[in-house]
Amino acid sequence: VSYSDGTPVLDFADVSDEYVAMLMCLVPLLLTGLISLAFVGCLNKSLMSKKTGIDIGVPKLDYLAAKVKSGSIAFLKEEYKYLAVYVVVWAIVVAVLFTIVPIVEGKSDDGVRAAACMISGSFLSALAGWIG
């Protein structure tokens, strides 16, 4: 997006304060996440308000739903075991690589921080999937 003379409306190169630049990047992501959570909440409320098997005179539907739910929970538990191993292996790779070649020159803890971010992001993603 730019003005009619071609100059950009928002030029990141002109922002000299690191805190303001970080906020400019963080706020849209945070708002997107909050809007997504609100959308999921609305969908969940809508879905939970629907009638189920016994309410519509088909109790066998509740039995089948319980079987599907138990099967999906068993699948997710097994999947997360493999996912945990995968994430830990890649976190070790990231920790080693960013310890050898740090993101910020002179910072020796970049590898540990990058690996911790990867693990915590994967955990929060899995938690959101489990809850949602």
N, C-alpha and C. Protein backbone atom coordinates (compact mmCIF):
# COMPACT_ATOMS: atom_id res chain seq x y z
N VAL A 1 0.85 -1.16 0.00
CA VAL A 1 0.00 0.00 0.00
C VAL A 1 0.90 1.23 0.00
N SER A 2 0.58 2.15 -0.88
CA SER A 2 1.40 3.36 -0.96
C SER A 2 0.52 4.56 -1.31
N TYR A 3 1.10 5.73 -1.10
CA TYR A 3 0.42 6.97 -1.48
C TYR A 3 0.46 7.11 -2.99
N SER A 4 -0.22 8.12 -3.51
CA SER A 4 -0.28 8.31 -4.96
C SER A 4 1.09 8.62 -5.57
N ASP A 5 2.01 9.17 -4.74
CA ASP A 5 3.34 9.47 -5.29
C ASP A 5 4.28 8.26 -5.21
N GLY A 6 3.79 7.13 -4.70
CA GLY A 6 4.59 5.91 -4.67
C GLY A 6 5.31 5.63 -3.37
N THR A 7 5.25 6.55 -2.41
CA THR A 7 5.91 6.31 -1.12
C THR A 7 5.04 5.39 -0.28
N PRO A 8 5.66 4.47 0.43
CA PRO A 8 4.86 3.53 1.23
C PRO A 8 4.18 4.23 2.41
N VAL A 9 3.01 3.72 2.77
CA VAL A 9 2.27 4.26 3.90
C VAL A 9 3.04 3.99 5.19
N LEU A 10 3.58 2.79 5.30
CA LEU A 10 4.32 2.39 6.49
C LEU A 10 5.66 1.82 6.03
N ASP A 11 6.73 2.50 6.39
CA ASP A 11 8.06 2.06 5.95
C ASP A 11 8.83 1.58 7.17
N PHE A 12 9.09 0.27 7.23
CA PHE A 12 9.80 -0.30 8.36
C PHE A 12 11.23 0.23 8.46
N ALA A 13 11.79 0.65 7.36
CA ALA A 13 13.16 1.16 7.38
C ALA A 13 13.25 2.48 8.15
N ASP A 14 12.16 3.22 8.24
CA ASP A 14 12.17 4.50 8.95
C ASP A 14 12.00 4.34 10.46
N VAL A 15 11.64 3.16 10.93
CA VAL A 15 11.42 2.93 12.35
C VAL A 15 12.77 2.65 13.00
N SER A 16 13.18 3.56 13.87
CA SER A 16 14.49 3.40 14.50
C SER A 16 14.40 2.73 15.87
N ASP A 17 13.24 2.80 16.51
CA ASP A 17 13.06 2.19 17.82
C ASP A 17 12.77 0.71 17.66
N GLU A 18 13.60 -0.13 18.25
CA GLU A 18 13.45 -1.58 18.11
C GLU A 18 12.15 -2.07 18.74
N TYR A 19 11.74 -1.45 19.84
CA TYR A 19 10.51 -1.84 20.53
C TYR A 19 9.29 -1.58 19.64
N VAL A 20 9.26 -0.44 18.99
CA VAL A 20 8.14 -0.09 18.11
C VAL A 20 8.11 -1.03 16.91
N ALA A 21 9.28 -1.34 16.36
CA ALA A 21 9.34 -2.27 15.22
C ALA A 21 8.82 -3.64 15.62
N MET A 22 9.16 -4.09 16.83
CA MET A 22 8.68 -5.38 17.30
C MET A 22 7.17 -5.36 17.48
N LEU A 23 6.64 -4.27 18.02
CA LEU A 23 5.20 -4.15 18.19
C LEU A 23 4.48 -4.13 16.84
N MET A 24 5.09 -3.49 15.85
CA MET A 24 4.48 -3.43 14.52
C MET A 24 4.37 -4.83 13.91
N CYS A 25 5.29 -5.70 14.26
CA CYS A 25 5.24 -7.07 13.76
C CYS A 25 4.36 -7.96 14.64
N LEU A 26 4.34 -7.70 15.93
CA LEU A 26 3.66 -8.57 16.88
C LEU A 26 2.15 -8.34 16.93
N VAL A 27 1.72 -7.10 16.87
CA VAL A 27 0.30 -6.78 17.05
C VAL A 27 -0.59 -7.46 16.00
N PRO A 28 -0.26 -7.42 14.71
CA PRO A 28 -1.13 -8.12 13.75
C PRO A 28 -1.20 -9.62 14.01
N LEU A 29 -0.08 -10.22 14.40
CA LEU A 29 -0.09 -11.65 14.69
C LEU A 29 -0.94 -11.95 15.92
N LEU A 30 -0.81 -11.13 16.94
CA LEU A 30 -1.59 -11.32 18.16
C LEU A 30 -3.08 -11.14 17.88
N LEU A 31 -3.43 -10.13 17.10
CA LEU A 31 -4.84 -9.92 16.76
C LEU A 31 -5.39 -11.09 15.95
N THR A 32 -4.60 -11.59 15.02
CA THR A 32 -5.04 -12.74 14.23
C THR A 32 -5.28 -13.94 15.12
N GLY A 33 -4.40 -14.18 16.08
CA GLY A 33 -4.58 -15.29 17.01
C GLY A 33 -5.83 -15.13 17.86
N LEU A 34 -6.07 -13.92 18.35
CA LEU A 34 -7.25 -13.68 19.18
C LEU A 34 -8.54 -13.83 18.37
N ILE A 35 -8.53 -13.34 17.13
CA ILE A 35 -9.71 -13.49 16.27
C ILE A 35 -9.95 -14.98 15.98
N SER A 36 -8.88 -15.73 15.77
CA SER A 36 -9.01 -17.16 15.52
C SER A 36 -9.60 -17.87 16.73
N LEU A 37 -9.12 -17.52 17.93
CA LEU A 37 -9.67 -18.13 19.15
C LEU A 37 -11.15 -17.80 19.32
N ALA A 38 -11.52 -16.56 19.03
CA ALA A 38 -12.94 -16.18 19.13
C ALA A 38 -13.77 -16.97 18.12
N PHE A 39 -13.25 -17.15 16.92
CA PHE A 39 -13.96 -17.92 15.89
C PHE A 39 -14.15 -19.37 16.33
N VAL A 40 -13.11 -19.98 16.87
CA VAL A 40 -13.21 -21.36 17.36
C VAL A 40 -14.20 -21.45 18.51
N GLY A 41 -14.19 -20.45 19.38
CA GLY A 41 -15.15 -20.43 20.49
C GLY A 41 -16.59 -20.36 19.99
N CYS A 42 -16.83 -19.54 18.97
CA CYS A 42 -18.18 -19.44 18.39
C CYS A 42 -18.59 -20.76 17.74
N LEU A 43 -17.67 -21.37 17.01
CA LEU A 43 -17.98 -22.66 16.39
C LEU A 43 -18.26 -23.72 17.44
N ASN A 44 -17.46 -23.73 18.51
CA ASN A 44 -17.66 -24.71 19.59
C ASN A 44 -19.02 -24.51 20.25
N LYS A 45 -19.37 -23.27 20.53
CA LYS A 45 -20.66 -22.99 21.16
C LYS A 45 -21.80 -23.42 20.25
N SER A 46 -21.67 -23.15 18.97
CA SER A 46 -22.71 -23.53 18.01
C SER A 46 -22.85 -25.05 17.94
N LEU A 47 -21.73 -25.74 17.91
CA LEU A 47 -21.75 -27.20 17.81
C LEU A 47 -22.30 -27.84 19.07
N MET A 48 -21.91 -27.31 20.23
CA MET A 48 -22.37 -27.90 21.49
C MET A 48 -23.86 -27.65 21.74
N SER A 49 -24.45 -26.68 21.05
CA SER A 49 -25.87 -26.40 21.25
C SER A 49 -26.76 -27.34 20.42
N LYS A 50 -26.15 -28.10 19.52
CA LYS A 50 -26.93 -29.02 18.68
C LYS A 50 -27.42 -30.21 19.51
N LYS A 51 -28.55 -30.75 19.11
CA LYS A 51 -29.11 -31.92 19.79
C LYS A 51 -28.29 -33.15 19.44
N THR A 52 -28.20 -34.07 20.39
CA THR A 52 -27.46 -35.31 20.17
C THR A 52 -28.42 -36.49 20.13
N GLY A 53 -27.86 -37.70 20.12
CA GLY A 53 -28.62 -38.92 19.92
C GLY A 53 -29.87 -39.08 20.75
N ILE A 54 -29.73 -39.02 22.07
CA ILE A 54 -30.90 -39.27 22.93
C ILE A 54 -31.92 -38.15 22.81
N ASP A 55 -31.44 -36.94 22.50
CA ASP A 55 -32.36 -35.79 22.36
C ASP A 55 -33.23 -35.90 21.13
N ILE A 56 -32.75 -36.60 20.11
CA ILE A 56 -33.53 -36.72 18.87
C ILE A 56 -34.13 -38.11 18.70
N GLY A 57 -34.05 -38.94 19.75
CA GLY A 57 -34.67 -40.25 19.73
C GLY A 57 -33.83 -41.35 19.10
N VAL A 58 -32.53 -41.14 19.00
CA VAL A 58 -31.64 -42.16 18.42
C VAL A 58 -30.48 -42.39 19.40
N PRO A 59 -30.72 -43.16 20.48
CA PRO A 59 -29.67 -43.36 21.49
C PRO A 59 -28.44 -44.10 20.95
N LYS A 60 -28.61 -44.87 19.88
CA LYS A 60 -27.47 -45.59 19.31
C LYS A 60 -26.44 -44.61 18.76
N LEU A 61 -26.89 -43.43 18.39
CA LEU A 61 -25.98 -42.39 17.89
C LEU A 61 -24.99 -41.97 18.97
N ASP A 62 -25.44 -41.88 20.21
CA ASP A 62 -24.53 -41.55 21.32
C ASP A 62 -23.50 -42.64 21.53
N TYR A 63 -23.93 -43.90 21.40
CA TYR A 63 -23.00 -45.03 21.54
C TYR A 63 -21.92 -44.96 20.46
N LEU A 64 -22.33 -44.72 19.23
CA LEU A 64 -21.36 -44.63 18.12
C LEU A 64 -20.43 -43.43 18.30
N ALA A 65 -20.99 -42.32 18.76
CA ALA A 65 -20.17 -41.12 18.98
C ALA A 65 -19.12 -41.38 20.05
N ALA A 66 -19.47 -42.12 21.09
CA ALA A 66 -18.51 -42.45 22.15
C ALA A 66 -17.39 -43.34 21.61
N LYS A 67 -17.74 -44.27 20.73
CA LYS A 67 -16.73 -45.14 20.12
C LYS A 67 -15.77 -44.33 19.24
N VAL A 68 -16.32 -43.43 18.44
CA VAL A 68 -15.48 -42.58 17.58
C VAL A 68 -14.57 -41.71 18.43
N LYS A 69 -15.12 -41.15 19.51
CA LYS A 69 -14.32 -40.29 20.38
C LYS A 69 -13.19 -41.06 21.03
N SER A 70 -13.46 -42.24 21.54
CA SER A 70 -12.39 -43.02 22.18
C SER A 70 -11.33 -43.43 21.17
N GLY A 71 -11.74 -43.76 19.96
CA GLY A 71 -10.77 -44.10 18.92
C GLY A 71 -9.91 -42.92 18.51
N SER A 72 -10.52 -41.75 18.43
CA SER A 72 -9.74 -40.57 18.03
C SER A 72 -8.77 -40.16 19.14
N ILE A 73 -9.17 -40.31 20.38
CA ILE A 73 -8.26 -40.00 21.49
C ILE A 73 -7.08 -40.96 21.49
N ALA A 74 -7.33 -42.23 21.24
CA ALA A 74 -6.24 -43.22 21.18
C ALA A 74 -5.29 -42.89 20.03
N PHE A 75 -5.85 -42.50 18.89
CA PHE A 75 -5.02 -42.12 17.74
C PHE A 75 -4.15 -40.91 18.07
N LEU A 76 -4.75 -39.89 18.67
CA LEU A 76 -3.99 -38.67 18.99
C LEU A 76 -2.88 -38.95 19.99
N LYS A 77 -3.14 -39.78 20.98
CA LYS A 77 -2.09 -40.12 21.95
C LYS A 77 -0.91 -40.78 21.25
N GLU A 78 -1.19 -41.69 20.35
CA GLU A 78 -0.12 -42.37 19.61
C GLU A 78 0.60 -41.40 18.68
N GLU A 79 -0.15 -40.54 18.03
CA GLU A 79 0.46 -39.56 17.12
C GLU A 79 1.38 -38.60 17.88
N TYR A 80 0.95 -38.15 19.04
CA TYR A 80 1.75 -37.20 19.81
C TYR A 80 3.03 -37.83 20.36
N LYS A 81 3.04 -39.15 20.55
CA LYS A 81 4.29 -39.81 20.95
C LYS A 81 5.33 -39.65 19.86
N TYR A 82 4.94 -39.91 18.62
CA TYR A 82 5.87 -39.77 17.50
C TYR A 82 6.23 -38.31 17.27
N LEU A 83 5.24 -37.42 17.40
CA LEU A 83 5.49 -36.00 17.21
C LEU A 83 6.49 -35.47 18.25
N ALA A 84 6.39 -35.95 19.47
CA ALA A 84 7.31 -35.50 20.53
C ALA A 84 8.74 -35.89 20.20
N VAL A 85 8.94 -37.10 19.73
CA VAL A 85 10.29 -37.54 19.35
C VAL A 85 10.80 -36.69 18.18
N TYR A 86 9.96 -36.45 17.21
CA TYR A 86 10.33 -35.63 16.04
C TYR A 86 10.74 -34.22 16.47
N VAL A 87 9.95 -33.60 17.32
CA VAL A 87 10.24 -32.23 17.76
C VAL A 87 11.52 -32.19 18.58
N VAL A 88 11.74 -33.16 19.45
CA VAL A 88 12.96 -33.18 20.28
C VAL A 88 14.19 -33.35 19.40
N VAL A 89 14.13 -34.23 18.40
CA VAL A 89 15.28 -34.40 17.50
C VAL A 89 15.59 -33.11 16.77
N TRP A 90 14.56 -32.45 16.22
CA TRP A 90 14.81 -31.20 15.51
C TRP A 90 15.22 -30.08 16.47
N ALA A 91 14.74 -30.09 17.68
CA ALA A 91 15.16 -29.08 18.66
C ALA A 91 16.64 -29.25 18.97
N ILE A 92 17.12 -30.48 19.05
CA ILE A 92 18.55 -30.72 19.28
C ILE A 92 19.35 -30.20 18.10
N VAL A 93 18.87 -30.48 16.88
CA VAL A 93 19.56 -29.99 15.67
C VAL A 93 19.61 -28.46 15.67
N VAL A 94 18.48 -27.83 15.98
CA VAL A 94 18.42 -26.36 16.02
C VAL A 94 19.35 -25.81 17.10
N ALA A 95 19.35 -26.45 18.27
CA ALA A 95 20.21 -25.99 19.36
C ALA A 95 21.68 -26.07 18.97
N VAL A 96 22.08 -27.16 18.35
CA VAL A 96 23.48 -27.31 17.94
C VAL A 96 23.84 -26.29 16.86
N LEU A 97 22.98 -26.17 15.85
CA LEU A 97 23.29 -25.24 14.75
C LEU A 97 23.38 -23.80 15.22
N PHE A 98 22.42 -23.36 16.04
CA PHE A 98 22.44 -21.97 16.47
C PHE A 98 23.42 -21.72 17.62
N THR A 99 23.95 -22.75 18.21
CA THR A 99 25.03 -22.58 19.17
C THR A 99 26.35 -22.39 18.41
N ILE A 100 26.51 -23.15 17.33
CA ILE A 100 27.71 -23.02 16.50
C ILE A 100 27.72 -21.68 15.77
N VAL A 101 26.60 -21.34 15.13
CA VAL A 101 26.47 -20.07 14.41
C VAL A 101 25.30 -19.31 15.02
N PRO A 102 25.58 -18.46 16.03
CA PRO A 102 24.48 -17.78 16.74
C PRO A 102 23.75 -16.78 15.85
N ILE A 103 22.50 -16.53 16.19
CA ILE A 103 21.68 -15.56 15.47
C ILE A 103 22.25 -14.17 15.68
N VAL A 104 22.56 -13.83 16.92
CA VAL A 104 23.15 -12.55 17.28
C VAL A 104 24.61 -12.80 17.64
N GLU A 105 25.48 -12.09 16.98
CA GLU A 105 26.92 -12.28 17.20
C GLU A 105 27.26 -12.08 18.68
N GLY A 106 27.99 -13.04 19.24
CA GLY A 106 28.44 -12.94 20.62
C GLY A 106 27.48 -13.52 21.64
N LYS A 107 26.29 -13.96 21.21
CA LYS A 107 25.32 -14.55 22.15
C LYS A 107 25.45 -16.06 22.07
N SER A 108 25.88 -16.66 23.14
CA SER A 108 26.09 -18.12 23.12
C SER A 108 24.83 -18.90 23.48
N ASP A 109 23.76 -18.23 23.88
CA ASP A 109 22.55 -18.94 24.28
C ASP A 109 21.48 -18.97 23.18
N ASP A 110 21.83 -18.57 21.96
CA ASP A 110 20.84 -18.56 20.88
C ASP A 110 20.31 -19.95 20.57
N GLY A 111 21.17 -20.96 20.62
CA GLY A 111 20.74 -22.32 20.33
C GLY A 111 19.72 -22.82 21.33
N VAL A 112 19.97 -22.56 22.59
CA VAL A 112 19.04 -23.00 23.64
C VAL A 112 17.71 -22.25 23.52
N ARG A 113 17.78 -20.95 23.27
CA ARG A 113 16.55 -20.16 23.12
C ARG A 113 15.74 -20.60 21.91
N ALA A 114 16.42 -20.85 20.78
CA ALA A 114 15.71 -21.29 19.58
C ALA A 114 15.07 -22.65 19.79
N ALA A 115 15.78 -23.57 20.44
CA ALA A 115 15.23 -24.90 20.71
C ALA A 115 14.04 -24.80 21.68
N ALA A 116 14.17 -23.95 22.69
CA ALA A 116 13.07 -23.77 23.65
C ALA A 116 11.83 -23.20 22.96
N CYS A 117 12.03 -22.25 22.05
CA CYS A 117 10.91 -21.69 21.31
C CYS A 117 10.25 -22.75 20.44
N MET A 118 11.06 -23.58 19.82
CA MET A 118 10.52 -24.64 18.97
C MET A 118 9.70 -25.64 19.79
N ILE A 119 10.23 -26.04 20.92
CA ILE A 119 9.53 -27.02 21.77
C ILE A 119 8.25 -26.41 22.34
N SER A 120 8.33 -25.18 22.85
CA SER A 120 7.14 -24.56 23.43
C SER A 120 6.08 -24.30 22.37
N GLY A 121 6.50 -23.89 21.17
CA GLY A 121 5.53 -23.67 20.09
C GLY A 121 4.85 -24.96 19.68
N SER A 122 5.61 -26.04 19.61
CA SER A 122 5.03 -27.34 19.26
C SER A 122 4.07 -27.81 20.35
N PHE A 123 4.46 -27.59 21.60
CA PHE A 123 3.60 -27.99 22.72
C PHE A 123 2.29 -27.21 22.71
N LEU A 124 2.38 -25.89 22.50
CA LEU A 124 1.16 -25.07 22.49
C LEU A 124 0.28 -25.41 21.31
N SER A 125 0.89 -25.71 20.17
CA SER A 125 0.12 -26.12 19.00
C SER A 125 -0.61 -27.43 19.25
N ALA A 126 0.09 -28.38 19.86
CA ALA A 126 -0.54 -29.67 20.17
C ALA A 126 -1.64 -29.49 21.21
N LEU A 127 -1.42 -28.63 22.18
CA LEU A 127 -2.43 -28.37 23.20
C LEU A 127 -3.66 -27.73 22.59
N ALA A 128 -3.45 -26.79 21.69
CA ALA A 128 -4.60 -26.16 21.02
C ALA A 128 -5.36 -27.18 20.19
N GLY A 129 -4.66 -28.09 19.54
CA GLY A 129 -5.31 -29.14 18.77
C GLY A 129 -6.08 -30.09 19.66
N TRP A 130 -5.52 -30.38 20.82
CA TRP A 130 -6.16 -31.31 21.75
C TRP A 130 -7.43 -30.69 22.33
N ILE A 131 -7.36 -29.41 22.68
CA ILE A 131 -8.51 -28.73 23.28
C ILE A 131 -9.59 -28.48 22.23
N GLY A 132 -9.14 -27.99 21.06
CA GLY A 132 -10.09 -27.63 20.00
C GLY A 132 -10.62 -28.82 19.34
